[in-house]
Amino acid sequence: MHDAQDLTQSFFALLIEHKTYKRVDPQKGRFRAFLLACMKNFLADASDRQRTLKRGGAQDLLPLHEEQIKEAESLFQTHGGASNEDQLFDRSWAESLIAAGLERLSAEYKGNSKERLFKELRIFLASGAEPLPSYAELAVRLGIRESTLRSHVTRLRARYREVLRAEVRRTVDTEAEVDEELYELLRVLTRR
């Protein structure tokens, strides 16, 4: 309710401050149609600002180093131009969330002196073209029972979901938005 009142007041304040009403031409249509078009544009801009905040727009920005700028430009050139930039951005966003989650998990395992275990089991988190090793082979390589290995993989996957959820949660306002973003993350990563 208060949001609607604030938006309404902001709209009319903007209309008066910029004297937008002076652009009305009775030959081009009715005043209410003009107001409706202005209101739609205003609401679309407000929605864009809200989405920007939801995606971390209020965060402090970190300056890029020269090599990071060159890498970003190279990546953009490699993946195409304007027709592909939204997909490239979405893909980069998804990959950065995945990387942050994996980095956090790696640090946890390292802190518990299980760095080697994490390195061996990490492959079970990625759904790439790489074939997964059999549990039997990996259990022998790690010197543990196969049932213990299965438990480790199950716990790792569960913890990865928690960590990824926490990473997404840092970028949105509500838990409902976390689910939406995770769905979007999955959609972006599975899109070809």
C-alpha atoms as a PDB file:
ATOM      1  CA  MET A   1       0.000   0.000   0.000  1.00  0.00           C
ATOM      2  CA  HIS A   2       2.718   2.452   1.018  1.00  0.00           C
ATOM      3  CA  ASP A   3       4.802   1.464  -2.013  1.00  0.00           C
ATOM      4  CA  ALA A   4       1.882   2.303  -4.308  1.00  0.00           C
ATOM      5  CA  GLN A   5       1.383   5.656  -2.584  1.00  0.00           C
ATOM      6  CA  ASP A   6       5.097   6.441  -2.816  1.00  0.00           C
ATOM      7  CA  LEU A   7       5.169   5.525  -6.504  1.00  0.00           C
ATOM      8  CA  THR A   8       2.087   7.660  -7.201  1.00  0.00           C
ATOM      9  CA  GLN A   9       3.552  10.652  -5.383  1.00  0.00           C
ATOM     10  CA  SER A  10       6.900  10.192  -7.119  1.00  0.00           C
ATOM     11  CA  PHE A  11       5.193   9.988 -10.498  1.00  0.00           C
ATOM     12  CA  PHE A  12       3.277  13.223 -10.041  1.00  0.00           C
ATOM     13  CA  ALA A  13       6.307  14.974  -8.520  1.00  0.00           C
ATOM     14  CA  LEU A  14       8.341  14.001 -11.579  1.00  0.00           C
ATOM     15  CA  LEU A  15       5.537  15.076 -13.893  1.00  0.00           C
ATOM     16  CA  ILE A  16       5.356  18.509 -12.255  1.00  0.00           C
ATOM     17  CA  GLU A  17       9.103  18.972 -11.753  1.00  0.00           C
ATOM     18  CA  HIS A  18       9.930  18.254 -15.398  1.00  0.00           C
ATOM     19  CA  LYS A  19       6.754  19.973 -16.647  1.00  0.00           C
ATOM     20  CA  THR A  20       6.005  16.914 -18.719  1.00  0.00           C
ATOM     21  CA  TYR A  21       2.389  18.036 -19.093  1.00  0.00           C
ATOM     22  CA  LYS A  22       3.570  20.818 -21.421  1.00  0.00           C
ATOM     23  CA  ARG A  23       4.318  18.207 -24.076  1.00  0.00           C
ATOM     24  CA  VAL A  24       0.652  17.251 -24.342  1.00  0.00           C
ATOM     25  CA  ASP A  25      -0.745  17.837 -27.826  1.00  0.00           C
ATOM     26  CA  PRO A  26      -4.559  17.524 -28.085  1.00  0.00           C
ATOM     27  CA  GLN A  27      -4.141  16.695 -31.770  1.00  0.00           C
ATOM     28  CA  LYS A  28      -2.257  13.501 -30.890  1.00  0.00           C
ATOM     29  CA  GLY A  29      -4.753  12.087 -28.440  1.00  0.00           C
ATOM     30  CA  ARG A  30      -6.428  12.381 -25.097  1.00  0.00           C
ATOM     31  CA  PHE A  31      -4.735  13.639 -21.957  1.00  0.00           C
ATOM     32  CA  ARG A  32      -5.511  10.418 -20.063  1.00  0.00           C
ATOM     33  CA  ALA A  33      -3.783   8.372 -22.791  1.00  0.00           C
ATOM     34  CA  PHE A  34      -0.739  10.624 -22.388  1.00  0.00           C
ATOM     35  CA  LEU A  35      -0.831  10.184 -18.602  1.00  0.00           C
ATOM     36  CA  LEU A  36      -1.212   6.424 -18.980  1.00  0.00           C
ATOM     37  CA  ALA A  37       1.809   6.220 -21.301  1.00  0.00           C
ATOM     38  CA  CYS A  38       3.861   8.376 -18.910  1.00  0.00           C
ATOM     39  CA  MET A  39       2.795   6.207 -15.958  1.00  0.00           C
ATOM     40  CA  LYS A  40       3.704   2.982 -17.786  1.00  0.00           C
ATOM     41  CA  ASN A  41       7.154   4.350 -18.605  1.00  0.00           C
ATOM     42  CA  PHE A  42       7.622   5.534 -15.027  1.00  0.00           C
ATOM     43  CA  LEU A  43       6.591   2.141 -13.608  1.00  0.00           C
ATOM     44  CA  ALA A  44       8.858   0.300 -16.051  1.00  0.00           C
ATOM     45  CA  ASP A  45      11.792   2.479 -14.930  1.00  0.00           C
ATOM     46  CA  ALA A  46      10.898   1.868 -11.272  1.00  0.00           C
ATOM     47  CA  SER A  47      10.749  -1.865 -11.932  1.00  0.00           C
ATOM     48  CA  ASP A  48      14.153  -1.752 -13.639  1.00  0.00           C
ATOM     49  CA  ARG A  49      15.611   0.060 -10.632  1.00  0.00           C
ATOM     50  CA  GLN A  50      14.110  -2.529  -8.272  1.00  0.00           C
ATOM     51  CA  ARG A  51      15.527  -5.433 -10.303  1.00  0.00           C
ATOM     52  CA  THR A  52      18.886  -3.703 -10.325  1.00  0.00           C
ATOM     53  CA  LEU A  53      18.823  -3.568  -6.535  1.00  0.00           C
ATOM     54  CA  LYS A  54      17.692  -7.189  -6.378  1.00  0.00           C
ATOM     55  CA  ARG A  55      20.664  -8.283  -8.476  1.00  0.00           C
ATOM     56  CA  GLY A  56      23.095  -6.451  -6.202  1.00  0.00           C
ATOM     57  CA  GLY A  57      22.818  -2.898  -7.534  1.00  0.00           C
ATOM     58  CA  ALA A  58      23.250  -1.419  -4.061  1.00  0.00           C
ATOM     59  CA  GLN A  59      26.548  -3.223  -3.546  1.00  0.00           C
ATOM     60  CA  ASP A  60      29.858  -1.398  -3.512  1.00  0.00           C
ATOM     61  CA  LEU A  61      31.631  -1.920  -6.801  1.00  0.00           C
ATOM     62  CA  LEU A  62      35.167  -3.218  -6.920  1.00  0.00           C
ATOM     63  CA  PRO A  63      37.482  -1.580  -9.432  1.00  0.00           C
ATOM     64  CA  LEU A  64      38.730  -3.853 -12.185  1.00  0.00           C
ATOM     65  CA  HIS A  65      42.418  -4.201 -12.852  1.00  0.00           C
ATOM     66  CA  GLU A  66      43.718  -3.684 -16.364  1.00  0.00           C
ATOM     67  CA  GLU A  67      44.174  -7.429 -16.975  1.00  0.00           C
ATOM     68  CA  GLN A  68      40.596  -8.119 -15.814  1.00  0.00           C
ATOM     69  CA  ILE A  69      39.275  -5.528 -18.253  1.00  0.00           C
ATOM     70  CA  LYS A  70      41.237  -7.109 -21.100  1.00  0.00           C
ATOM     71  CA  GLU A  71      39.994 -10.565 -20.109  1.00  0.00           C
ATOM     72  CA  ALA A  72      36.381  -9.341 -20.050  1.00  0.00           C
ATOM     73  CA  GLU A  73      36.747  -7.697 -23.450  1.00  0.00           C
ATOM     74  CA  SER A  74      38.322 -10.851 -24.849  1.00  0.00           C
ATOM     75  CA  LEU A  75      35.513 -12.971 -23.439  1.00  0.00           C
ATOM     76  CA  PHE A  76      32.928 -10.655 -24.975  1.00  0.00           C
ATOM     77  CA  GLN A  77      34.643 -10.768 -28.376  1.00  0.00           C
ATOM     78  CA  THR A  78      34.845 -14.559 -28.203  1.00  0.00           C
ATOM     79  CA  HIS A  79      31.164 -15.015 -27.384  1.00  0.00           C
ATOM     80  CA  GLY A  80      29.707 -12.594 -29.907  1.00  0.00           C
ATOM     81  CA  GLY A  81      28.244  -9.151 -29.978  1.00  0.00           C
ATOM     82  CA  ALA A  82      25.037  -7.401 -29.052  1.00  0.00           C
ATOM     83  CA  SER A  83      22.663 -10.213 -30.016  1.00  0.00           C
ATOM     84  CA  ASN A  84      24.320 -12.467 -27.449  1.00  0.00           C
ATOM     85  CA  GLU A  85      25.210 -10.047 -24.647  1.00  0.00           C
ATOM     86  CA  ASP A  86      22.252 -10.897 -22.381  1.00  0.00           C
ATOM     87  CA  GLN A  87      23.016 -14.600 -22.580  1.00  0.00           C
ATOM     88  CA  LEU A  88      26.696 -13.903 -21.998  1.00  0.00           C
ATOM     89  CA  PHE A  89      25.891 -11.800 -18.940  1.00  0.00           C
ATOM     90  CA  ASP A  90      23.512 -14.453 -17.557  1.00  0.00           C
ATOM     91  CA  ARG A  91      26.071 -17.185 -18.157  1.00  0.00           C
ATOM     92  CA  SER A  92      28.833 -15.166 -16.471  1.00  0.00           C
ATOM     93  CA  TRP A  93      26.524 -14.472 -13.517  1.00  0.00           C
ATOM     94  CA  ALA A  94      25.699 -18.168 -13.161  1.00  0.00           C
ATOM     95  CA  GLU A  95      29.318 -19.237 -13.458  1.00  0.00           C
ATOM     96  CA  SER A  96      30.440 -16.698 -10.860  1.00  0.00           C
ATOM     97  CA  LEU A  97      27.849 -18.000  -8.385  1.00  0.00           C
ATOM     98  CA  ILE A  98      28.967 -21.576  -9.025  1.00  0.00           C
ATOM     99  CA  ALA A  99      32.624 -20.589  -8.620  1.00  0.00           C
ATOM    100  CA  ALA A 100      31.914 -18.743  -5.366  1.00  0.00           C
ATOM    101  CA  GLY A 101      30.036 -21.771  -4.029  1.00  0.00           C
ATOM    102  CA  LEU A 102      32.813 -24.164  -4.996  1.00  0.00           C
ATOM    103  CA  GLU A 103      35.448 -21.874  -3.519  1.00  0.00           C
ATOM    104  CA  ARG A 104      33.553 -21.695  -0.239  1.00  0.00           C
ATOM    105  CA  LEU A 105      33.174 -25.473  -0.129  1.00  0.00           C
ATOM    106  CA  SER A 106      36.838 -25.951  -0.927  1.00  0.00           C
ATOM    107  CA  ALA A 107      37.790 -23.653   1.951  1.00  0.00           C
ATOM    108  CA  GLU A 108      35.528 -25.617   4.320  1.00  0.00           C
ATOM    109  CA  TYR A 109      37.076 -28.936   3.319  1.00  0.00           C
ATOM    110  CA  LYS A 110      40.567 -27.471   3.529  1.00  0.00           C
ATOM    111  CA  GLY A 111      39.793 -26.130   7.004  1.00  0.00           C
ATOM    112  CA  ASN A 112      38.769 -29.642   8.052  1.00  0.00           C
ATOM    113  CA  SER A 113      41.942 -31.163   6.538  1.00  0.00           C
ATOM    114  CA  LYS A 114      39.891 -32.869   3.816  1.00  0.00           C
ATOM    115  CA  GLU A 115      41.272 -30.996   0.824  1.00  0.00           C
ATOM    116  CA  ARG A 116      42.195 -34.172  -1.071  1.00  0.00           C
ATOM    117  CA  LEU A 117      38.711 -35.611  -0.496  1.00  0.00           C
ATOM    118  CA  PHE A 118      37.137 -32.456  -1.907  1.00  0.00           C
ATOM    119  CA  LYS A 119      39.388 -32.515  -4.968  1.00  0.00           C
ATOM    120  CA  GLU A 120      38.421 -36.124  -5.685  1.00  0.00           C
ATOM    121  CA  LEU A 121      34.688 -35.650  -5.053  1.00  0.00           C
ATOM    122  CA  ARG A 122      34.293 -32.255  -6.754  1.00  0.00           C
ATOM    123  CA  ILE A 123      33.610 -34.007 -10.059  1.00  0.00           C
ATOM    124  CA  PHE A 124      30.300 -35.243  -8.607  1.00  0.00           C
ATOM    125  CA  LEU A 125      29.080 -31.637  -8.346  1.00  0.00           C
ATOM    126  CA  ALA A 126      29.599 -30.723 -11.978  1.00  0.00           C
ATOM    127  CA  SER A 127      27.395 -32.077 -14.718  1.00  0.00           C
ATOM    128  CA  GLY A 128      29.891 -31.771 -17.526  1.00  0.00           C
ATOM    129  CA  ALA A 129      30.887 -33.999 -20.376  1.00  0.00           C
ATOM    130  CA  GLU A 130      33.523 -35.649 -18.186  1.00  0.00           C
ATOM    131  CA  PRO A 131      32.568 -39.228 -17.292  1.00  0.00           C
ATOM    132  CA  LEU A 132      32.195 -39.858 -13.578  1.00  0.00           C
ATOM    133  CA  PRO A 133      34.500 -42.410 -12.005  1.00  0.00           C
ATOM    134  CA  SER A 134      32.837 -45.444 -10.499  1.00  0.00           C
ATOM    135  CA  TYR A 135      32.351 -45.403  -6.756  1.00  0.00           C
ATOM    136  CA  ALA A 136      34.276 -48.666  -6.508  1.00  0.00           C
ATOM    137  CA  GLU A 137      37.356 -47.272  -8.306  1.00  0.00           C
ATOM    138  CA  LEU A 138      37.341 -44.036  -6.355  1.00  0.00           C
ATOM    139  CA  ALA A 139      36.844 -45.807  -3.021  1.00  0.00           C
ATOM    140  CA  VAL A 140      39.940 -47.914  -3.705  1.00  0.00           C
ATOM    141  CA  ARG A 141      41.931 -44.824  -4.727  1.00  0.00           C
ATOM    142  CA  LEU A 142      40.908 -43.000  -1.539  1.00  0.00           C
ATOM    143  CA  GLY A 143      41.365 -46.070   0.664  1.00  0.00           C
ATOM    144  CA  ILE A 144      37.813 -46.024   2.033  1.00  0.00           C
ATOM    145  CA  ARG A 145      34.768 -48.270   1.769  1.00  0.00           C
ATOM    146  CA  GLU A 146      32.346 -47.656  -1.103  1.00  0.00           C
ATOM    147  CA  SER A 147      29.446 -47.036   1.289  1.00  0.00           C
ATOM    148  CA  THR A 148      31.530 -44.387   3.071  1.00  0.00           C
ATOM    149  CA  LEU A 149      32.314 -42.773  -0.278  1.00  0.00           C
ATOM    150  CA  ARG A 150      28.618 -42.666  -1.167  1.00  0.00           C
ATOM    151  CA  SER A 151      27.917 -40.951   2.166  1.00  0.00           C
ATOM    152  CA  HIS A 152      30.663 -38.389   1.473  1.00  0.00           C
ATOM    153  CA  VAL A 153      29.208 -37.628  -1.976  1.00  0.00           C
ATOM    154  CA  THR A 154      25.685 -37.289  -0.569  1.00  0.00           C
ATOM    155  CA  ARG A 155      26.882 -34.908   2.174  1.00  0.00           C
ATOM    156  CA  LEU A 156      28.973 -32.918  -0.317  1.00  0.00           C
ATOM    157  CA  ARG A 157      26.016 -32.459  -2.660  1.00  0.00           C
ATOM    158  CA  ALA A 158      23.742 -31.422   0.206  1.00  0.00           C
ATOM    159  CA  ARG A 159      26.310 -28.938   1.491  1.00  0.00           C
ATOM    160  CA  TYR A 160      26.857 -27.610  -2.026  1.00  0.00           C
ATOM    161  CA  ARG A 161      23.112 -26.913  -2.353  1.00  0.00           C
ATOM    162  CA  GLU A 162      23.216 -25.053   0.982  1.00  0.00           C
ATOM    163  CA  VAL A 163      26.268 -23.030  -0.030  1.00  0.00           C
ATOM    164  CA  LEU A 164      24.863 -22.176  -3.448  1.00  0.00           C
ATOM    165  CA  ARG A 165      21.573 -21.143  -1.849  1.00  0.00           C
ATOM    166  CA  ALA A 166      23.492 -18.916   0.590  1.00  0.00           C
ATOM    167  CA  GLU A 167      25.424 -17.315  -2.286  1.00  0.00           C
ATOM    168  CA  VAL A 168      22.175 -16.534  -4.106  1.00  0.00           C
ATOM    169  CA  ARG A 169      20.564 -15.329  -0.864  1.00  0.00           C
ATOM    170  CA  ARG A 170      23.225 -12.624  -0.598  1.00  0.00           C
ATOM    171  CA  THR A 171      21.974 -11.103  -3.872  1.00  0.00           C
ATOM    172  CA  VAL A 172      18.207 -10.954  -3.221  1.00  0.00           C
ATOM    173  CA  ASP A 173      15.801  -9.644  -0.599  1.00  0.00           C
ATOM    174  CA  THR A 174      13.527 -12.620   0.161  1.00  0.00           C
ATOM    175  CA  GLU A 175      13.621 -16.409   0.355  1.00  0.00           C
ATOM    176  CA  ALA A 176      11.053 -16.627  -2.454  1.00  0.00           C
ATOM    177  CA  GLU A 177      13.464 -14.757  -4.702  1.00  0.00           C
ATOM    178  CA  VAL A 178      16.183 -17.294  -3.840  1.00  0.00           C
ATOM    179  CA  ASP A 179      14.062 -20.049  -5.389  1.00  0.00           C
ATOM    180  CA  GLU A 180      13.405 -17.898  -8.474  1.00  0.00           C
ATOM    181  CA  GLU A 181      17.106 -17.143  -8.879  1.00  0.00           C
ATOM    182  CA  LEU A 182      18.092 -20.799  -8.422  1.00  0.00           C
ATOM    183  CA  TYR A 183      15.557 -21.755 -11.096  1.00  0.00           C
ATOM    184  CA  GLU A 184      17.016 -19.064 -13.353  1.00  0.00           C
ATOM    185  CA  LEU A 185      20.532 -20.301 -12.576  1.00  0.00           C
ATOM    186  CA  LEU A 186      19.572 -23.816 -13.641  1.00  0.00           C
ATOM    187  CA  ARG A 187      17.881 -22.494 -16.795  1.00  0.00           C
ATOM    188  CA  VAL A 188      20.944 -20.469 -17.771  1.00  0.00           C
ATOM    189  CA  LEU A 189      23.357 -23.325 -17.163  1.00  0.00           C
ATOM    190  CA  THR A 190      21.301 -25.845 -19.148  1.00  0.00           C
ATOM    191  CA  ARG A 191      20.644 -23.522 -22.099  1.00  0.00           C
ATOM    192  CA  ARG A 192      22.647 -24.357 -25.202  1.00  0.00           C
END
